[in-house]
Amino acid sequence: LIERSRQMIMAATGCDYPRATMLLEESGEHVKTAIVMEFLGVDREGAQAALKAHEGRIHAVLSAYGKIKSESEREEQHVDE
């Protein structure tokens, strides 16, 4: 499971194996926390707080912090095209 977790972190963030290993360790072996830590540049507590504020949804966290477009922004873009 640890190896699979590293692979998920690397796939989601684009980081390398050593970075994924470090993120996994620092996150308490919690994949969602590790991913948010990498994207937001925060520690475990910051990532956990962000996830809690957004019902554990990575996409919602990243949208709220401007790291990706929200679903409504993507829908608006398709309408404008």
Protein backbone atom coordinates (compact mmCIF):
# COMPACT_ATOMS: atom_id res chain seq x y z
CA LEU A 1 0.00 0.00 0.00
CA ILE A 2 2.85 2.39 0.71
CA GLU A 3 4.23 1.96 -2.80
CA ARG A 4 0.79 2.51 -4.31
CA SER A 5 0.42 5.66 -2.20
CA ARG A 6 3.73 7.00 -3.54
CA GLN A 7 2.60 6.29 -7.08
CA MET A 8 -0.69 8.15 -6.52
CA ILE A 9 1.15 11.16 -5.08
CA MET A 10 3.57 11.24 -8.02
CA ALA A 11 0.74 10.93 -10.54
CA ALA A 12 -1.33 13.67 -8.91
CA THR A 13 1.46 16.16 -8.30
CA GLY A 14 4.14 15.35 -10.84
CA CYS A 15 6.76 15.08 -8.12
CA ASP A 16 9.56 12.53 -8.15
CA TYR A 17 9.88 9.38 -6.03
CA PRO A 18 12.02 10.88 -3.23
CA ARG A 19 9.65 13.85 -2.90
CA ALA A 20 6.61 11.55 -2.84
CA THR A 21 8.29 9.47 -0.13
CA MET A 22 8.96 12.56 1.98
CA LEU A 23 5.43 13.89 1.49
CA LEU A 24 3.94 10.54 2.44
CA GLU A 25 6.02 10.39 5.62
CA GLU A 26 5.31 14.00 6.59
CA SER A 27 1.59 13.57 5.93
CA GLY A 28 1.32 10.65 8.33
CA GLU A 29 0.90 8.32 5.34
CA HIS A 30 -2.28 10.08 4.20
CA VAL A 31 -2.36 10.48 0.42
CA LYS A 32 -4.86 13.34 0.24
CA THR A 33 -2.93 15.29 2.83
CA ALA A 34 0.33 14.69 0.97
CA ILE A 35 -1.14 15.91 -2.31
CA VAL A 36 -2.52 19.08 -0.75
CA MET A 37 0.78 19.68 1.05
CA GLU A 38 2.60 19.61 -2.28
CA PHE A 39 0.18 21.81 -4.21
CA LEU A 40 -0.27 24.41 -1.49
CA GLY A 41 3.21 24.29 0.01
CA VAL A 42 1.83 23.81 3.51
CA ASP A 43 2.60 21.45 6.37
CA ARG A 44 0.44 18.53 7.47
CA GLU A 45 -1.71 20.65 9.77
CA GLY A 46 -2.35 23.21 7.03
CA ALA A 47 -3.28 20.54 4.54
CA GLN A 48 -5.56 18.79 7.01
CA ALA A 49 -7.31 22.07 7.83
CA ALA A 50 -7.82 22.82 4.14
CA LEU A 51 -9.22 19.35 3.51
CA LYS A 52 -11.52 19.61 6.52
CA ALA A 53 -12.81 22.98 5.33
CA HIS A 54 -13.64 21.45 1.95
CA GLU A 55 -15.18 18.16 3.07
CA GLY A 56 -12.04 16.17 2.26
CA ARG A 57 -12.22 16.99 -1.44
CA ILE A 58 -8.85 17.70 -3.03
CA HIS A 59 -10.42 19.33 -6.07
CA ALA A 60 -12.38 21.74 -3.87
CA VAL A 61 -9.24 22.66 -1.93
CA LEU A 62 -7.22 23.31 -5.06
CA SER A 63 -10.05 25.34 -6.60
CA ALA A 64 -10.41 27.45 -3.47
CA TYR A 65 -6.70 28.24 -3.50
CA GLY A 66 -6.64 29.03 -7.21
CA LYS A 67 -4.52 26.04 -8.16
CA ILE A 68 -7.09 24.71 -10.65
CA LYS A 69 -10.32 25.94 -12.18
CA SER A 70 -13.49 25.14 -10.30
CA GLU A 71 -16.17 23.04 -11.93
CA SER A 72 -18.37 26.10 -12.50
CA GLU A 73 -15.46 27.98 -14.12
CA ARG A 74 -14.86 25.05 -16.47
CA GLU A 75 -18.56 24.95 -17.38
CA GLU A 76 -18.55 28.70 -18.08
CA GLN A 77 -15.51 28.28 -20.31
CA HIS A 78 -17.30 25.62 -22.38
CA VAL A 79 -20.36 27.87 -22.77
CA ASP A 80 -18.20 30.76 -23.98
CA GLU A 81 -16.45 28.64 -26.62
